[in-house]
Amino acid sequence: MVSVWGYPFAMDGNRGSEADDGAHRPRMFGLLETRNVILLAVGAVVVLFGYVSLDRGSVVLAPLLLFAGYVVLIPAGLLLGFRGTESDQAGEGE
């Protein structure tokens, strides 16, 4: 099976590779794991609250929320989780 960075393509679903004895990491949307999706959702909610507070006239809270959402949470949701856990790394060395 063809993979990117050790992860199967999105169209392969959650099956994993044939050589890993059925052990695979939980993924929701292709390459994104559950924690990535949670971080993206939290980032979207923080951005939404930032725009709501901006509409209400906040000049301090709104920029902080928008910065936290766009610069911290959303990139973290996209970038974190591609290294693998200790159990995955231990299984690759065998």
PDB file of N, CA and C in Angstrom:
ATOM      1  N   MET A   1       0.841  -1.165   0.000  1.00  0.00           N
ATOM      2  CA  MET A   1       0.000   0.000   0.000  1.00  0.00           C
ATOM      3  C   MET A   1       0.892   1.236   0.000  1.00  0.00           C
ATOM      4  N   VAL A   2       0.550   2.219  -0.781  1.00  0.00           N
ATOM      5  CA  VAL A   2       1.317   3.450  -0.883  1.00  0.00           C
ATOM      6  C   VAL A   2       0.930   4.362   0.262  1.00  0.00           C
ATOM      7  N   SER A   3       1.930   5.025   0.877  1.00  0.00           N
ATOM      8  CA  SER A   3       1.629   5.889   2.004  1.00  0.00           C
ATOM      9  C   SER A   3       2.462   7.155   1.940  1.00  0.00           C
ATOM     10  N   VAL A   4       2.048   8.137   2.726  1.00  0.00           N
ATOM     11  CA  VAL A   4       2.760   9.394   2.878  1.00  0.00           C
ATOM     12  C   VAL A   4       3.176   9.499   4.326  1.00  0.00           C
ATOM     13  N   TRP A   5       4.470   9.640   4.604  1.00  0.00           N
ATOM     14  CA  TRP A   5       4.991   9.756   5.959  1.00  0.00           C
ATOM     15  C   TRP A   5       4.537   8.595   6.836  1.00  0.00           C
ATOM     16  N   GLY A   6       4.372   7.426   6.278  1.00  0.00           N
ATOM     17  CA  GLY A   6       3.992   6.262   7.053  1.00  0.00           C
ATOM     18  C   GLY A   6       2.503   6.119   7.275  1.00  0.00           C
ATOM     19  N   TYR A   7       1.698   7.013   6.733  1.00  0.00           N
ATOM     20  CA  TYR A   7       0.250   6.940   6.907  1.00  0.00           C
ATOM     21  C   TYR A   7      -0.398   6.589   5.576  1.00  0.00           C
ATOM     22  N   PRO A   8      -1.406   5.726   5.583  1.00  0.00           N
ATOM     23  CA  PRO A   8      -2.075   5.374   4.324  1.00  0.00           C
ATOM     24  C   PRO A   8      -2.855   6.556   3.776  1.00  0.00           C
ATOM     25  N   PHE A   9      -3.062   6.548   2.461  1.00  0.00           N
ATOM     26  CA  PHE A   9      -3.836   7.605   1.843  1.00  0.00           C
ATOM     27  C   PHE A   9      -5.265   7.622   2.376  1.00  0.00           C
ATOM     28  N   ALA A  10      -5.934   8.751   2.216  1.00  0.00           N
ATOM     29  CA  ALA A  10      -7.283   8.932   2.750  1.00  0.00           C
ATOM     30  C   ALA A  10      -8.265   7.923   2.175  1.00  0.00           C
ATOM     31  N   MET A  11      -8.085   7.542   0.920  1.00  0.00           N
ATOM     32  CA  MET A  11      -9.045   6.615   0.331  1.00  0.00           C
ATOM     33  C   MET A  11      -8.884   5.206   0.873  1.00  0.00           C
ATOM     34  N   ASP A  12      -7.778   4.933   1.589  1.00  0.00           N
ATOM     35  CA  ASP A  12      -7.591   3.628   2.185  1.00  0.00           C
ATOM     36  C   ASP A  12      -8.324   3.483   3.505  1.00  0.00           C
ATOM     37  N   GLY A  13      -8.846   4.564   4.044  1.00  0.00           N
ATOM     38  CA  GLY A  13      -9.607   4.509   5.288  1.00  0.00           C
ATOM     39  C   GLY A  13      -8.745   4.195   6.487  1.00  0.00           C
ATOM     40  N   ASN A  14      -9.306   3.511   7.450  1.00  0.00           N
ATOM     41  CA  ASN A  14      -8.610   3.197   8.688  1.00  0.00           C
ATOM     42  C   ASN A  14      -8.065   1.779   8.700  1.00  0.00           C
ATOM     43  N   ARG A  15      -7.855   1.182   7.556  1.00  0.00           N
ATOM     44  CA  ARG A  15      -7.435  -0.209   7.508  1.00  0.00           C
ATOM     45  C   ARG A  15      -6.002  -0.413   7.956  1.00  0.00           C
ATOM     46  N   GLY A  16      -5.120   0.547   7.725  1.00  0.00           N
ATOM     47  CA  GLY A  16      -3.708   0.346   8.051  1.00  0.00           C
ATOM     48  C   GLY A  16      -3.065  -0.528   7.007  1.00  0.00           C
ATOM     49  N   SER A  17      -1.791  -0.845   7.202  1.00  0.00           N
ATOM     50  CA  SER A  17      -1.108  -1.698   6.237  1.00  0.00           C
ATOM     51  C   SER A  17      -1.247  -3.161   6.648  1.00  0.00           C
ATOM     52  N   GLU A  18      -0.964  -4.026   5.696  1.00  0.00           N
ATOM     53  CA  GLU A  18      -1.105  -5.444   5.965  1.00  0.00           C
ATOM     54  C   GLU A  18      -0.032  -5.951   6.927  1.00  0.00           C
ATOM     55  N   ALA A  19       1.118  -5.276   6.990  1.00  0.00           N
ATOM     56  CA  ALA A  19       2.239  -5.746   7.794  1.00  0.00           C
ATOM     57  C   ALA A  19       2.165  -5.320   9.257  1.00  0.00           C
ATOM     58  N   ASP A  20       1.174  -4.538   9.642  1.00  0.00           N
ATOM     59  CA  ASP A  20       1.154  -4.031  11.013  1.00  0.00           C
ATOM     60  C   ASP A  20       0.253  -4.852  11.938  1.00  0.00           C
ATOM     61  N   ASP A  21      -0.126  -6.040  11.544  1.00  0.00           N
ATOM     62  CA  ASP A  21      -0.932  -6.956  12.367  1.00  0.00           C
ATOM     63  C   ASP A  21      -2.240  -6.327  12.845  1.00  0.00           C
ATOM     64  N   GLY A  22      -2.819  -5.451  12.063  1.00  0.00           N
ATOM     65  CA  GLY A  22      -4.102  -4.854  12.427  1.00  0.00           C
ATOM     66  C   GLY A  22      -4.012  -3.692  13.386  1.00  0.00           C
ATOM     67  N   ALA A  23      -2.843  -3.384  13.911  1.00  0.00           N
ATOM     68  CA  ALA A  23      -2.699  -2.268  14.844  1.00  0.00           C
ATOM     69  C   ALA A  23      -2.539  -0.983  14.036  1.00  0.00           C
ATOM     70  N   HIS A  24      -3.390  -0.029  14.290  1.00  0.00           N
ATOM     71  CA  HIS A  24      -3.287   1.255  13.613  1.00  0.00           C
ATOM     72  C   HIS A  24      -3.781   2.359  14.539  1.00  0.00           C
ATOM     73  N   ARG A  25      -3.400   3.561  14.221  1.00  0.00           N
ATOM     74  CA  ARG A  25      -3.786   4.713  15.021  1.00  0.00           C
ATOM     75  C   ARG A  25      -5.153   5.203  14.552  1.00  0.00           C
ATOM     76  N   PRO A  26      -5.980   5.678  15.459  1.00  0.00           N
ATOM     77  CA  PRO A  26      -7.305   6.145  15.049  1.00  0.00           C
ATOM     78  C   PRO A  26      -7.213   7.428  14.228  1.00  0.00           C
ATOM     79  N   ARG A  27      -7.861   7.421  13.083  1.00  0.00           N
ATOM     80  CA  ARG A  27      -7.893   8.599  12.221  1.00  0.00           C
ATOM     81  C   ARG A  27      -9.324   8.874  11.827  1.00  0.00           C
ATOM     82  N   MET A  28      -9.648  10.160  11.676  1.00  0.00           N
ATOM     83  CA  MET A  28     -11.013  10.511  11.322  1.00  0.00           C
ATOM     84  C   MET A  28     -11.136  10.879   9.857  1.00  0.00           C
ATOM     85  N   PHE A  29     -10.352  11.831   9.385  1.00  0.00           N
ATOM     86  CA  PHE A  29     -10.477  12.311   8.023  1.00  0.00           C
ATOM     87  C   PHE A  29      -9.164  12.083   7.292  1.00  0.00           C
ATOM     88  N   GLY A  30      -8.918  10.864   6.881  1.00  0.00           N
ATOM     89  CA  GLY A  30      -7.705  10.562   6.153  1.00  0.00           C
ATOM     90  C   GLY A  30      -6.485  10.621   7.042  1.00  0.00           C
ATOM     91  N   LEU A  31      -5.659  11.630   6.842  1.00  0.00           N
ATOM     92  CA  LEU A  31      -4.416  11.759   7.591  1.00  0.00           C
ATOM     93  C   LEU A  31      -4.617  12.395   8.957  1.00  0.00           C
ATOM     94  N   LEU A  32      -5.754  13.010   9.217  1.00  0.00           N
ATOM     95  CA  LEU A  32      -5.978  13.702  10.485  1.00  0.00           C
ATOM     96  C   LEU A  32      -6.434  12.732  11.559  1.00  0.00           C
ATOM     97  N   GLU A  33      -5.781  12.807  12.708  1.00  0.00           N
ATOM     98  CA  GLU A  33      -6.179  11.988  13.841  1.00  0.00           C
ATOM     99  C   GLU A  33      -7.257  12.718  14.630  1.00  0.00           C
ATOM    100  N   THR A  34      -7.783  12.054  15.634  1.00  0.00           N
ATOM    101  CA  THR A  34      -8.854  12.631  16.439  1.00  0.00           C
ATOM    102  C   THR A  34      -8.405  13.916  17.117  1.00  0.00           C
ATOM    103  N   ARG A  35      -7.183  13.928  17.655  1.00  0.00           N
ATOM    104  CA  ARG A  35      -6.728  15.145  18.341  1.00  0.00           C
ATOM    105  C   ARG A  35      -6.549  16.303  17.368  1.00  0.00           C
ATOM    106  N   ASN A  36      -6.187  16.023  16.104  1.00  0.00           N
ATOM    107  CA  ASN A  36      -6.083  17.082  15.119  1.00  0.00           C
ATOM    108  C   ASN A  36      -7.444  17.702  14.831  1.00  0.00           C
ATOM    109  N   VAL A  37      -8.447  16.869  14.692  1.00  0.00           N
ATOM    110  CA  VAL A  37      -9.794  17.361  14.416  1.00  0.00           C
ATOM    111  C   VAL A  37     -10.314  18.173  15.610  1.00  0.00           C
ATOM    112  N   ILE A  38     -10.008  17.715  16.831  1.00  0.00           N
ATOM    113  CA  ILE A  38     -10.431  18.457  18.026  1.00  0.00           C
ATOM    114  C   ILE A  38      -9.761  19.823  18.070  1.00  0.00           C
ATOM    115  N   LEU A  39      -8.446  19.880  17.790  1.00  0.00           N
ATOM    116  CA  LEU A  39      -7.748  21.167  17.773  1.00  0.00           C
ATOM    117  C   LEU A  39      -8.308  22.095  16.706  1.00  0.00           C
ATOM    118  N   LEU A  40      -8.615  21.562  15.535  1.00  0.00           N
ATOM    119  CA  LEU A  40      -9.204  22.395  14.481  1.00  0.00           C
ATOM    120  C   LEU A  40     -10.577  22.923  14.883  1.00  0.00           C
ATOM    121  N   ALA A  41     -11.378  22.086  15.529  1.00  0.00           N
ATOM    122  CA  ALA A  41     -12.708  22.525  15.968  1.00  0.00           C
ATOM    123  C   ALA A  41     -12.604  23.588  17.057  1.00  0.00           C
ATOM    124  N   VAL A  42     -11.683  23.386  18.010  1.00  0.00           N
ATOM    125  CA  VAL A  42     -11.486  24.394  19.062  1.00  0.00           C
ATOM    126  C   VAL A  42     -10.988  25.692  18.443  1.00  0.00           C
ATOM    127  N   GLY A  43     -10.089  25.606  17.480  1.00  0.00           N
ATOM    128  CA  GLY A  43      -9.608  26.802  16.791  1.00  0.00           C
ATOM    129  C   GLY A  43     -10.721  27.532  16.073  1.00  0.00           C
ATOM    130  N   ALA A  44     -11.625  26.799  15.427  1.00  0.00           N
ATOM    131  CA  ALA A  44     -12.751  27.436  14.734  1.00  0.00           C
ATOM    132  C   ALA A  44     -13.694  28.121  15.719  1.00  0.00           C
ATOM    133  N   VAL A  45     -13.928  27.483  16.872  1.00  0.00           N
ATOM    134  CA  VAL A  45     -14.808  28.088  17.880  1.00  0.00           C
ATOM    135  C   VAL A  45     -14.158  29.342  18.463  1.00  0.00           C
ATOM    136  N   VAL A  46     -12.853  29.307  18.711  1.00  0.00           N
ATOM    137  CA  VAL A  46     -12.150  30.480  19.241  1.00  0.00           C
ATOM    138  C   VAL A  46     -12.194  31.619  18.231  1.00  0.00           C
ATOM    139  N   VAL A  47     -12.002  31.325  16.959  1.00  0.00           N
ATOM    140  CA  VAL A  47     -12.090  32.353  15.922  1.00  0.00           C
ATOM    141  C   VAL A  47     -13.503  32.931  15.865  1.00  0.00           C
ATOM    142  N   LEU A  48     -14.509  32.074  15.964  1.00  0.00           N
ATOM    143  CA  LEU A  48     -15.895  32.544  15.961  1.00  0.00           C
ATOM    144  C   LEU A  48     -16.156  33.486  17.134  1.00  0.00           C
ATOM    145  N   PHE A  49     -15.705  33.103  18.340  1.00  0.00           N
ATOM    146  CA  PHE A  49     -15.872  33.982  19.501  1.00  0.00           C
ATOM    147  C   PHE A  49     -15.076  35.277  19.331  1.00  0.00           C
ATOM    148  N   GLY A  50     -13.949  35.199  18.635  1.00  0.00           N
ATOM    149  CA  GLY A  50     -13.178  36.414  18.360  1.00  0.00           C
ATOM    150  C   GLY A  50     -13.945  37.378  17.483  1.00  0.00           C
ATOM    151  N   TYR A  51     -14.606  36.864  16.456  1.00  0.00           N
ATOM    152  CA  TYR A  51     -15.400  37.746  15.595  1.00  0.00           C
ATOM    153  C   TYR A  51     -16.645  38.276  16.313  1.00  0.00           C
ATOM    154  N   VAL A  52     -17.235  37.461  17.165  1.00  0.00           N
ATOM    155  CA  VAL A  52     -18.395  37.928  17.941  1.00  0.00           C
ATOM    156  C   VAL A  52     -17.965  39.047  18.888  1.00  0.00           C
ATOM    157  N   SER A  53     -16.845  38.870  19.569  1.00  0.00           N
ATOM    158  CA  SER A  53     -16.389  39.923  20.480  1.00  0.00           C
ATOM    159  C   SER A  53     -15.930  41.155  19.706  1.00  0.00           C
ATOM    160  N   LEU A  54     -15.426  40.992  18.506  1.00  0.00           N
ATOM    161  CA  LEU A  54     -15.073  42.133  17.661  1.00  0.00           C
ATOM    162  C   LEU A  54     -16.319  42.908  17.261  1.00  0.00           C
ATOM    163  N   ASP A  55     -17.400  42.191  16.976  1.00  0.00           N
ATOM    164  CA  ASP A  55     -18.664  42.834  16.631  1.00  0.00           C
ATOM    165  C   ASP A  55     -19.233  43.622  17.803  1.00  0.00           C
ATOM    166  N   ARG A  56     -18.977  43.134  19.010  1.00  0.00           N
ATOM    167  CA  ARG A  56     -19.482  43.821  20.202  1.00  0.00           C
ATOM    168  C   ARG A  56     -18.598  44.982  20.626  1.00  0.00           C
ATOM    169  N   GLY A  57     -17.505  45.222  19.935  1.00  0.00           N
ATOM    170  CA  GLY A  57     -16.688  46.395  20.206  1.00  0.00           C
ATOM    171  C   GLY A  57     -15.452  46.146  21.043  1.00  0.00           C
ATOM    172  N   SER A  58     -15.097  44.923  21.275  1.00  0.00           N
ATOM    173  CA  SER A  58     -13.904  44.629  22.069  1.00  0.00           C
ATOM    174  C   SER A  58     -12.650  44.938  21.252  1.00  0.00           C
ATOM    175  N   VAL A  59     -11.725  45.694  21.861  1.00  0.00           N
ATOM    176  CA  VAL A  59     -10.485  46.019  21.171  1.00  0.00           C
ATOM    177  C   VAL A  59      -9.298  45.256  21.761  1.00  0.00           C
ATOM    178  N   VAL A  60      -9.506  44.519  22.845  1.00  0.00           N
ATOM    179  CA  VAL A  60      -8.431  43.756  23.459  1.00  0.00           C
ATOM    180  C   VAL A  60      -8.688  42.252  23.314  1.00  0.00           C
ATOM    181  N   LEU A  61      -9.882  41.793  23.694  1.00  0.00           N
ATOM    182  CA  LEU A  61     -10.184  40.364  23.686  1.00  0.00           C
ATOM    183  C   LEU A  61     -10.282  39.807  22.264  1.00  0.00           C
ATOM    184  N   ALA A  62     -10.908  40.551  21.362  1.00  0.00           N
ATOM    185  CA  ALA A  62     -11.105  40.042  20.000  1.00  0.00           C
ATOM    186  C   ALA A  62      -9.787  39.754  19.283  1.00  0.00           C
ATOM    187  N   PRO A  63      -8.825  40.679  19.281  1.00  0.00           N
ATOM    188  CA  PRO A  63      -7.562  40.343  18.608  1.00  0.00           C
ATOM    189  C   PRO A  63      -6.823  39.178  19.256  1.00  0.00           C
ATOM    190  N   LEU A  64      -6.910  39.057  20.575  1.00  0.00           N
ATOM    191  CA  LEU A  64      -6.261  37.933  21.254  1.00  0.00           C
ATOM    192  C   LEU A  64      -6.888  36.609  20.846  1.00  0.00           C
ATOM    193  N   LEU A  65      -8.215  36.564  20.794  1.00  0.00           N
ATOM    194  CA  LEU A  65      -8.892  35.333  20.388  1.00  0.00           C
ATOM    195  C   LEU A  65      -8.608  34.988  18.926  1.00  0.00           C
ATOM    196  N   LEU A  66      -8.632  36.003  18.063  1.00  0.00           N
ATOM    197  CA  LEU A  66      -8.355  35.750  16.648  1.00  0.00           C
ATOM    198  C   LEU A  66      -6.912  35.294  16.436  1.00  0.00           C
ATOM    199  N   PHE A  67      -5.982  35.891  17.153  1.00  0.00           N
ATOM    200  CA  PHE A  67      -4.586  35.472  17.063  1.00  0.00           C
ATOM    201  C   PHE A  67      -4.425  34.032  17.546  1.00  0.00           C
ATOM    202  N   ALA A  68      -5.031  33.722  18.686  1.00  0.00           N
ATOM    203  CA  ALA A  68      -4.921  32.368  19.235  1.00  0.00           C
ATOM    204  C   ALA A  68      -5.520  31.344  18.275  1.00  0.00           C
ATOM    205  N   GLY A  69      -6.643  31.682  17.657  1.00  0.00           N
ATOM    206  CA  GLY A  69      -7.276  30.743  16.737  1.00  0.00           C
ATOM    207  C   GLY A  69      -6.503  30.553  15.450  1.00  0.00           C
ATOM    208  N   TYR A  70      -6.151  31.692  14.798  1.00  0.00           N
ATOM    209  CA  TYR A  70      -5.514  31.609  13.482  1.00  0.00           C
ATOM    210  C   TYR A  70      -4.035  31.251  13.534  1.00  0.00           C
ATOM    211  N   VAL A  71      -3.327  31.668  14.574  1.00  0.00           N
ATOM    212  CA  VAL A  71      -1.874  31.500  14.587  1.00  0.00           C
ATOM    213  C   VAL A  71      -1.425  30.318  15.455  1.00  0.00           C
ATOM    214  N   VAL A  72      -2.234  29.937  16.442  1.00  0.00           N
ATOM    215  CA  VAL A  72      -1.812  28.877  17.347  1.00  0.00           C
ATOM    216  C   VAL A  72      -2.619  27.595  17.130  1.00  0.00           C
ATOM    217  N   LEU A  73      -3.931  27.655  17.302  1.00  0.00           N
ATOM    218  CA  LEU A  73      -4.737  26.437  17.341  1.00  0.00           C
ATOM    219  C   LEU A  73      -4.915  25.770  15.979  1.00  0.00           C
ATOM    220  N   ILE A  74      -5.270  26.536  14.960  1.00  0.00           N
ATOM    221  CA  ILE A  74      -5.501  25.935  13.644  1.00  0.00           C
ATOM    222  C   ILE A  74      -4.210  25.360  13.054  1.00  0.00           C
ATOM    223  N   PRO A  75      -3.075  26.094  13.083  1.00  0.00           N
ATOM    224  CA  PRO A  75      -1.835  25.446  12.606  1.00  0.00           C
ATOM    225  C   PRO A  75      -1.432  24.232  13.447  1.00  0.00           C
ATOM    226  N   ALA A  76      -1.664  24.283  14.753  1.00  0.00           N
ATOM    227  CA  ALA A  76      -1.338  23.124  15.592  1.00  0.00           C
ATOM    228  C   ALA A  76      -2.198  21.931  15.194  1.00  0.00           C
ATOM    229  N   GLY A  77      -3.466  22.172  14.879  1.00  0.00           N
ATOM    230  CA  GLY A  77      -4.336  21.090  14.445  1.00  0.00           C
ATOM    231  C   GLY A  77      -3.916  20.485  13.119  1.00  0.00           C
ATOM    232  N   LEU A  78      -3.286  21.288  12.277  1.00  0.00           N
ATOM    233  CA  LEU A  78      -2.843  20.779  10.980  1.00  0.00           C
ATOM    234  C   LEU A  78      -1.473  20.119  11.042  1.00  0.00           C
ATOM    235  N   LEU A  79      -0.618  20.571  11.937  1.00  0.00           N
ATOM    236  CA  LEU A  79       0.770  20.118  11.930  1.00  0.00           C
ATOM    237  C   LEU A  79       1.097  19.043  12.955  1.00  0.00           C
ATOM    238  N   LEU A  80       0.418  19.000  14.071  1.00  0.00           N
ATOM    239  CA  LEU A  80       0.757  18.052  15.122  1.00  0.00           C
ATOM    240  C   LEU A  80       0.242  16.652  14.801  1.00  0.00           C
ATOM    241  N   GLY A  81       0.961  15.643  15.270  1.00  0.00           N
ATOM    242  CA  GLY A  81       0.477  14.281  15.175  1.00  0.00           C
ATOM    243  C   GLY A  81       1.040  13.461  14.046  1.00  0.00           C
ATOM    244  N   PHE A  82       2.093  13.917  13.365  1.00  0.00           N
ATOM    245  CA  PHE A  82       2.661  13.143  12.273  1.00  0.00           C
ATOM    246  C   PHE A  82       3.894  12.355  12.685  1.00  0.00           C
ATOM    247  N   ARG A  83       4.274  12.357  13.964  1.00  0.00           N
ATOM    248  CA  ARG A  83       5.459  11.635  14.413  1.00  0.00           C
ATOM    249  C   ARG A  83       5.140  10.223  14.851  1.00  0.00           C
ATOM    250  N   GLY A  84       3.982   9.981  15.376  1.00  0.00           N
ATOM    251  CA  GLY A  84       3.621   8.661  15.867  1.00  0.00           C
ATOM    252  C   GLY A  84       3.862   8.555  17.355  1.00  0.00           C
ATOM    253  N   THR A  85       3.198   7.598  17.977  1.00  0.00           N
ATOM    254  CA  THR A  85       3.362   7.389  19.405  1.00  0.00           C
ATOM    255  C   THR A  85       4.525   6.447  19.644  1.00  0.00           C
ATOM    256  N   GLU A  86       4.883   6.254  20.914  1.00  0.00           N
ATOM    257  CA  GLU A  86       6.002   5.373  21.249  1.00  0.00           C
ATOM    258  C   GLU A  86       5.723   3.930  20.827  1.00  0.00           C
ATOM    259  N   SER A  87       4.482   3.485  20.963  1.00  0.00           N
ATOM    260  CA  SER A  87       4.160   2.113  20.569  1.00  0.00           C
ATOM    261  C   SER A  87       4.267   1.928  19.056  1.00  0.00           C
ATOM    262  N   ASP A  88       3.913   2.970  18.276  1.00  0.00           N
ATOM    263  CA  ASP A  88       4.056   2.875  16.834  1.00  0.00           C
ATOM    264  C   ASP A  88       5.519   2.843  16.434  1.00  0.00           C
ATOM    265  N   GLN A  89       6.345   3.659  17.096  1.00  0.00           N
ATOM    266  CA  GLN A  89       7.764   3.707  16.767  1.00  0.00           C
ATOM    267  C   GLN A  89       8.460   2.421  17.176  1.00  0.00           C
ATOM    268  N   ALA A  90       8.035   1.800  18.287  1.00  0.00           N
ATOM    269  CA  ALA A  90       8.627   0.539  18.724  1.00  0.00           C
ATOM    270  C   ALA A  90       8.285  -0.574  17.737  1.00  0.00           C
ATOM    271  N   GLY A  91       7.088  -0.544  17.182  1.00  0.00           N
ATOM    272  CA  GLY A  91       6.672  -1.575  16.232  1.00  0.00           C
ATOM    273  C   GLY A  91       7.367  -1.457  14.888  1.00  0.00           C
ATOM    274  N   GLU A  92       7.825  -0.242  14.529  1.00  0.00           N
ATOM    275  CA  GLU A  92       8.467  -0.061  13.238  1.00  0.00           C
ATOM    276  C   GLU A  92       9.893  -0.629  13.232  1.00  0.00           C
ATOM    277  N   GLY A  93      10.536  -0.677  14.392  1.00  0.00           N
ATOM    278  CA  GLY A  93      11.915  -1.148  14.448  1.00  0.00           C
ATOM    279  C   GLY A  93      12.045  -2.653  14.384  1.00  0.00           C
ATOM    280  N   GLU A  94      10.994  -3.401  14.478  1.00  0.00           N
ATOM    281  CA  GLU A  94      11.050  -4.863  14.491  1.00  0.00           C
ATOM    282  C   GLU A  94      11.157  -5.428  13.105  1.00  0.00           C
TER     283      GLU A  94
END
